[in-house]
Amino acid sequence: MEEYKCEVLIIGAGPAGLSAGVYCGRAGRETIILKGKEPSALEQAKEVRNYLGFEDIEGPKLLEEFMEHAKSHKNIRIIRGDVISLMVGMGANMISTRTSNITADALVIATGGGKRKEQIKGEDTLIGYGVSYCALCDGPLYREKIVFLYGSDEEVLEDALVLKQMGCIVNIISDKPNSEFPPKVNEVKENGIDVHDKMKIIEITSDQQGIIDKIICKNVDSEELQEFELDCLFILSHMPSNTMFKKAGVELDERGNIKVNADQETNVKGVYAAGDVTGGLFQVAFAVAEGAKAGINVSKYLRSLKKSQ
């Protein structure tokens, strides 16, 4: 696991996050921008015709311009990863991805509106009780125990091999057919890891102690149900949505958007949010403006911290 420390961590590398980064960079703040696997809405836009200064530009090209602007500041570091856990509002904010731990004095959440995240029945209540989003973090807890990884990309296959090396009894389950797996799936199978393809997990159940005991799956072709007993399920097919921030104490509105005041502050001291994650008008101009406000105000907050020390 990589260990990072910074003054400002910005979660999200879309227009709001990069705008906040530019203002933090100009203020001389040591800043990390965390770019997740989920592409921003701008990255998926074919063309943009209403952003001032660009009569007609492709969304990815405009985002590239924003990214290069942020990178021009030497005190900004951009790393890749999705947040899987966080502790905020306790002085130093602690954020973890699958491969890194980040400590930040202040936090800007700019994760975008995103698409609705998959939710498996029973998943939410069993997080920490046999449901995990980080094989590298929690794998050592399940040596000589049965674990399943849910997903089909390169990361799933790499994590499966690592868990096998740790001494876990490893299985992979995915709703995709074997033919759509990366070539590394052959190495996985050669290491004695069972791959159950074309199976969708529909429910996770627990025993009387509230610990995971099995998963109920449905074949995507025949719809036949099948159960698997296990000690841990590593879900790598999707990430928790804004409920993760809610569990950390960040207040959401009735639509699941992060609530902020006029300065982009959340209810948690030192935690700001900007862009589509706060709801409102889903326009690049608004995301950039909110990011700028968050960047300016988080720098003010950091100055106030130093005065009180």
Protein backbone atom coordinates (compact mmCIF):
# COMPACT_ATOMS: atom_id res chain seq x y z
CA MET A 1 0.00 0.00 0.00
CA GLU A 2 1.28 3.45 -0.95
CA GLU A 3 1.12 6.09 1.81
CA TYR A 4 0.39 9.71 0.89
CA LYS A 5 0.02 12.91 2.90
CA CYS A 6 -1.30 16.21 1.56
CA GLU A 7 -3.05 19.40 2.57
CA VAL A 8 -5.98 18.90 0.19
CA LEU A 9 -7.35 15.71 -1.30
CA ILE A 10 -9.78 16.18 -4.18
CA ILE A 11 -11.85 13.10 -4.97
CA GLY A 12 -12.72 13.30 -8.65
CA ALA A 13 -10.94 14.52 -11.78
CA GLY A 14 -13.83 16.02 -13.70
CA PRO A 15 -14.43 19.76 -14.27
CA ALA A 16 -15.26 20.48 -10.60
CA GLY A 17 -12.33 18.54 -9.17
CA LEU A 18 -9.78 19.94 -11.63
CA SER A 19 -11.07 23.48 -11.13
CA ALA A 20 -10.71 23.10 -7.37
CA GLY A 21 -7.24 21.71 -7.98
CA VAL A 22 -6.15 24.72 -10.04
CA TYR A 23 -7.19 27.11 -7.25
CA CYS A 24 -5.48 24.97 -4.61
CA GLY A 25 -2.39 24.80 -6.81
CA ARG A 26 -2.30 28.58 -7.24
CA ALA A 27 -2.61 28.94 -3.47
CA GLY A 28 0.48 26.78 -2.99
CA ARG A 29 -1.35 23.91 -1.31
CA GLU A 30 0.05 20.40 -1.53
CA THR A 31 -2.80 18.75 -3.38
CA ILE A 32 -3.70 15.27 -4.54
CA ILE A 33 -6.42 14.74 -7.13
CA LEU A 34 -7.82 11.21 -7.07
CA LYS A 35 -9.01 10.05 -10.49
CA GLY A 36 -11.43 7.12 -10.31
CA LYS A 37 -12.19 4.47 -12.91
CA GLU A 38 -15.64 5.90 -13.66
CA PRO A 39 -15.36 8.44 -16.52
CA SER A 40 -16.74 11.91 -15.85
CA ALA A 41 -19.85 13.12 -17.69
CA LEU A 42 -17.66 15.53 -19.67
CA GLU A 43 -15.41 12.69 -20.78
CA GLN A 44 -18.46 10.98 -22.28
CA ALA A 45 -19.83 14.09 -24.01
CA LYS A 46 -19.50 13.97 -27.81
CA GLU A 47 -19.40 17.75 -28.15
CA VAL A 48 -19.73 20.88 -26.03
CA ARG A 49 -21.04 24.09 -27.60
CA ASN A 50 -21.95 26.23 -24.60
CA TYR A 51 -18.68 26.59 -22.68
CA LEU A 52 -17.31 30.12 -22.95
CA GLY A 53 -14.28 30.41 -25.22
CA PHE A 54 -14.94 27.15 -27.09
CA GLU A 55 -17.51 27.46 -29.85
CA ASP A 56 -17.46 23.72 -30.49
CA ILE A 57 -15.19 21.20 -28.74
CA GLU A 58 -15.34 17.49 -27.97
CA GLY A 59 -15.95 16.68 -24.31
CA PRO A 60 -12.77 14.58 -23.88
CA LYS A 61 -10.69 17.32 -25.52
CA LEU A 62 -12.08 19.98 -23.15
CA LEU A 63 -11.39 17.72 -20.18
CA GLU A 64 -7.85 17.21 -21.46
CA GLU A 65 -7.38 21.00 -21.50
CA PHE A 66 -8.57 21.15 -17.88
CA MET A 67 -6.26 18.27 -16.90
CA GLU A 68 -3.18 19.89 -18.49
CA HIS A 69 -3.97 23.14 -16.67
CA ALA A 70 -4.08 21.32 -13.33
CA LYS A 71 -0.89 19.39 -14.11
CA SER A 72 0.94 22.65 -14.78
CA HIS A 73 1.06 23.23 -11.01
CA LYS A 74 4.02 21.38 -9.50
CA ASN A 75 2.30 21.02 -6.12
CA ILE A 76 -0.56 18.97 -7.63
CA ARG A 77 -0.26 15.20 -7.89
CA ILE A 78 -2.84 13.15 -9.79
CA ILE A 79 -3.18 9.50 -8.80
CA ARG A 80 -5.63 6.80 -9.82
CA GLY A 81 -7.97 4.93 -7.53
CA ASP A 82 -11.52 4.63 -6.21
CA VAL A 83 -12.30 5.45 -2.59
CA ILE A 84 -13.33 2.37 -0.65
CA SER A 85 -13.32 3.82 2.87
CA LEU A 86 -12.91 7.16 4.59
CA MET A 87 -12.88 8.73 8.03
CA VAL A 88 -13.55 12.48 8.07
CA GLY A 89 -14.09 15.25 10.59
CA MET A 90 -11.53 13.96 13.09
CA GLY A 91 -8.68 16.36 12.44
CA ALA A 92 -6.77 14.48 9.76
CA ASN A 93 -9.02 12.89 7.15
CA MET A 94 -8.14 9.29 6.30
CA ILE A 95 -9.03 7.96 2.86
CA SER A 96 -8.25 4.53 1.42
CA THR A 97 -8.26 3.13 -2.11
CA ARG A 98 -7.41 -0.44 -3.04
CA THR A 99 -3.73 0.43 -3.34
CA SER A 100 -3.15 3.51 -1.17
CA ASN A 101 -3.85 5.27 2.11
CA ILE A 102 -4.13 9.06 1.98
CA THR A 103 -4.06 11.49 4.90
CA ALA A 104 -5.36 14.98 4.13
CA ASP A 105 -6.01 18.11 6.18
CA ALA A 106 -9.04 18.95 4.04
CA LEU A 107 -11.18 17.21 1.48
CA VAL A 108 -13.10 18.24 -1.65
CA ILE A 109 -15.63 15.70 -2.95
CA ALA A 110 -16.16 16.12 -6.69
CA THR A 111 -17.19 12.63 -7.76
CA GLY A 112 -19.88 13.77 -10.20
CA GLY A 113 -23.42 12.51 -10.57
CA GLY A 114 -22.24 9.18 -11.95
CA LYS A 115 -24.55 6.38 -12.90
CA ARG A 116 -26.64 4.49 -10.40
CA LYS A 117 -24.38 1.95 -8.70
CA GLU A 118 -25.38 -1.67 -8.58
CA GLN A 119 -26.66 -2.75 -5.20
CA ILE A 120 -26.93 -6.38 -4.17
CA LYS A 121 -29.55 -7.32 -1.62
CA GLY A 122 -27.80 -7.62 1.75
CA GLU A 123 -24.63 -5.86 0.58
CA ASP A 124 -25.05 -2.68 2.59
CA THR A 125 -25.62 -4.37 5.96
CA LEU A 126 -22.70 -6.79 5.55
CA ILE A 127 -19.94 -4.30 4.75
CA GLY A 128 -17.22 -5.16 7.25
CA TYR A 129 -18.93 -8.45 8.11
CA GLY A 130 -17.77 -10.42 5.10
CA VAL A 131 -18.33 -7.89 2.31
CA SER A 132 -15.27 -5.94 1.25
CA TYR A 133 -14.20 -3.74 -1.67
CA CYS A 134 -10.45 -4.21 -1.16
CA ALA A 135 -8.83 -7.62 -1.58
CA LEU A 136 -5.35 -6.29 -0.79
CA CYS A 137 -6.58 -4.67 2.43
CA ASP A 138 -8.65 -7.50 3.88
CA GLY A 139 -7.25 -10.58 2.16
CA PRO A 140 -4.88 -11.56 5.00
CA LEU A 141 -7.91 -11.95 7.29
CA TYR A 142 -9.18 -14.85 5.19
CA ARG A 143 -6.15 -17.11 4.88
CA GLU A 144 -7.30 -20.73 4.39
CA LYS A 145 -10.89 -19.50 4.04
CA ILE A 146 -13.24 -19.39 1.05
CA VAL A 147 -13.38 -16.06 -0.74
CA PHE A 148 -15.15 -14.94 -3.91
CA LEU A 149 -14.28 -11.95 -6.09
CA TYR A 150 -17.15 -10.41 -8.07
CA GLY A 151 -16.06 -8.84 -11.34
CA SER A 152 -14.18 -9.59 -14.54
CA ASP A 153 -11.57 -6.94 -15.31
CA GLU A 154 -7.77 -7.10 -15.05
CA GLU A 155 -7.86 -5.87 -11.46
CA VAL A 156 -10.07 -8.78 -10.39
CA LEU A 157 -7.70 -11.30 -11.94
CA GLU A 158 -4.64 -9.67 -10.36
CA ASP A 159 -6.32 -9.61 -6.94
CA ALA A 160 -7.34 -13.25 -7.31
CA LEU A 161 -3.71 -14.26 -7.84
CA VAL A 162 -2.62 -12.18 -4.84
CA LEU A 163 -5.28 -13.76 -2.61
CA LYS A 164 -4.19 -17.21 -3.76
CA GLN A 165 -0.62 -16.35 -2.78
CA MET A 166 -1.90 -15.21 0.63
CA GLY A 167 -3.34 -18.69 1.18
CA CYS A 168 -7.02 -18.00 0.52
CA ILE A 169 -9.31 -20.47 -1.24
CA VAL A 170 -10.16 -18.24 -4.19
CA ASN A 171 -13.09 -18.15 -6.60
CA ILE A 172 -14.14 -15.59 -9.20
CA ILE A 173 -17.76 -14.99 -10.13
CA SER A 174 -18.96 -12.73 -12.93
CA ASP A 175 -22.04 -12.03 -15.00
CA LYS A 176 -19.84 -11.94 -18.13
CA PRO A 177 -18.86 -15.00 -20.20
CA ASN A 178 -15.29 -16.30 -20.04
CA SER A 179 -14.68 -15.04 -23.58
CA GLU A 180 -14.93 -11.43 -22.36
CA PHE A 181 -12.29 -11.81 -19.63
CA PRO A 182 -8.77 -10.42 -20.19
CA PRO A 183 -6.15 -13.02 -21.29
CA LYS A 184 -4.82 -13.23 -17.71
CA VAL A 185 -7.82 -15.43 -16.91
CA ASN A 186 -5.79 -18.36 -18.29
CA GLU A 187 -3.07 -17.78 -15.68
CA VAL A 188 -5.76 -17.57 -13.00
CA LYS A 189 -7.20 -20.94 -13.99
CA GLU A 190 -3.73 -22.50 -14.16
CA ASN A 191 -3.32 -21.51 -10.49
CA GLY A 192 -6.36 -23.55 -9.51
CA ILE A 193 -8.78 -20.64 -9.13
CA ASP A 194 -12.35 -21.50 -10.11
CA VAL A 195 -14.07 -19.02 -12.44
CA HIS A 196 -17.88 -19.05 -12.42
CA ASP A 197 -19.01 -17.04 -15.43
CA LYS A 198 -22.43 -15.79 -16.52
CA MET A 199 -23.59 -15.69 -12.89
CA LYS A 200 -25.15 -12.60 -11.33
CA ILE A 201 -25.19 -12.26 -7.53
CA ILE A 202 -28.72 -11.33 -6.47
CA GLU A 203 -28.47 -11.68 -2.67
CA ILE A 204 -25.92 -11.96 0.12
CA THR A 205 -27.09 -13.69 3.30
CA SER A 206 -25.75 -13.89 6.84
CA ASP A 207 -25.77 -16.33 9.74
CA GLN A 208 -27.35 -15.72 13.16
CA GLN A 209 -24.32 -13.67 14.23
CA GLY A 210 -24.76 -11.30 11.30
CA ILE A 211 -21.69 -12.63 9.44
CA ILE A 212 -21.80 -13.48 5.73
CA ASP A 213 -22.48 -17.15 5.03
CA LYS A 214 -23.50 -17.47 1.39
CA ILE A 215 -24.35 -15.77 -1.89
CA ILE A 216 -27.36 -16.53 -4.05
CA CYS A 217 -26.68 -16.26 -7.78
CA LYS A 218 -28.70 -16.44 -10.98
CA ASN A 219 -27.44 -17.73 -14.30
CA VAL A 220 -27.84 -14.92 -16.83
CA ASP A 221 -28.90 -17.37 -19.57
CA SER A 222 -31.08 -19.96 -17.84
CA GLU A 223 -32.01 -17.86 -14.75
CA GLU A 224 -31.30 -20.97 -12.68
CA LEU A 225 -30.44 -20.15 -9.06
CA GLN A 226 -27.29 -21.41 -7.37
CA GLU A 227 -25.87 -20.86 -3.87
CA PHE A 228 -22.24 -20.67 -2.76
CA GLU A 229 -21.01 -20.79 0.83
CA LEU A 230 -18.13 -18.43 1.59
CA ASP A 231 -16.29 -16.46 4.25
CA CYS A 232 -15.82 -13.21 2.31
CA LEU A 233 -17.09 -11.55 -0.86
CA PHE A 234 -14.81 -8.99 -2.49
CA ILE A 235 -17.00 -6.83 -4.72
CA LEU A 236 -14.90 -5.33 -7.50
CA SER A 237 -17.67 -4.95 -10.08
CA HIS A 238 -18.93 -1.68 -8.58
CA MET A 239 -18.25 0.76 -5.80
CA PRO A 240 -20.55 2.14 -3.09
CA SER A 241 -22.37 5.31 -4.13
CA ASN A 242 -22.80 8.44 -2.00
CA THR A 243 -24.03 6.23 0.84
CA MET A 244 -20.33 5.79 1.60
CA PHE A 245 -20.03 9.51 2.30
CA LYS A 246 -23.25 9.40 4.31
CA LYS A 247 -21.84 6.64 6.51
CA ALA A 248 -18.80 8.85 7.14
CA GLY A 249 -21.12 11.59 8.46
CA VAL A 250 -21.57 13.76 5.35
CA GLU A 251 -25.18 14.88 5.06
CA LEU A 252 -27.15 14.07 1.90
CA ASP A 253 -30.42 15.53 0.66
CA GLU A 254 -33.53 13.49 -0.14
CA ARG A 255 -32.19 12.77 -3.65
CA GLY A 256 -28.86 11.46 -2.42
CA ASN A 257 -26.88 14.58 -3.35
CA ILE A 258 -24.31 16.00 -0.93
CA LYS A 259 -25.69 19.07 0.86
CA VAL A 260 -23.48 22.18 0.78
CA ASN A 261 -23.80 25.84 1.74
CA ALA A 262 -22.94 28.85 -0.42
CA ASP A 263 -19.20 28.25 0.21
CA GLN A 264 -19.45 24.57 -0.90
CA GLU A 265 -18.99 23.44 2.73
CA THR A 266 -20.64 20.23 3.88
CA ASN A 267 -21.84 19.69 7.44
CA VAL A 268 -18.41 18.20 8.27
CA LYS A 269 -15.69 20.72 9.06
CA GLY A 270 -12.95 20.71 6.46
CA VAL A 271 -14.98 18.73 3.93
CA TYR A 272 -16.26 20.47 0.80
CA ALA A 273 -18.19 19.25 -2.25
CA ALA A 274 -18.62 20.63 -5.76
CA GLY A 275 -20.14 19.82 -9.13
CA ASP A 276 -22.78 17.27 -10.07
CA VAL A 277 -22.38 15.42 -6.76
CA THR A 278 -24.24 18.33 -5.12
CA GLY A 279 -27.15 18.24 -7.60
CA GLY A 280 -28.37 21.41 -9.29
CA LEU A 281 -27.72 22.28 -12.93
CA PHE A 282 -25.56 19.65 -14.61
CA GLN A 283 -23.48 22.01 -16.74
CA VAL A 284 -19.70 22.28 -17.13
CA ALA A 285 -19.80 25.99 -16.29
CA PHE A 286 -21.53 25.34 -12.97
CA ALA A 287 -19.17 22.49 -12.08
CA VAL A 288 -16.12 24.66 -12.79
CA ALA A 289 -17.58 27.54 -10.75
CA GLU A 290 -18.39 25.32 -7.76
CA GLY A 291 -14.94 23.77 -7.98
CA ALA A 292 -13.38 27.23 -7.92
CA LYS A 293 -15.42 28.18 -4.84
CA ALA A 294 -14.43 24.95 -3.11
CA GLY A 295 -10.75 25.52 -3.94
CA ILE A 296 -10.81 29.11 -2.67
CA ASN A 297 -12.66 28.25 0.53
CA VAL A 298 -10.68 25.14 1.37
CA SER A 299 -7.53 27.30 1.18
CA LYS A 300 -9.13 29.78 3.59
CA TYR A 301 -9.96 26.90 5.90
CA LEU A 302 -6.34 25.70 5.88
CA ARG A 303 -5.12 29.22 6.72
CA SER A 304 -7.50 29.29 9.69
CA LEU A 305 -6.09 25.95 10.87
CA LYS A 306 -2.55 27.34 10.96
CA LYS A 307 -3.66 30.43 12.87
CA SER A 308 -5.24 28.27 15.57
CA GLN A 309 -2.13 26.12 16.00
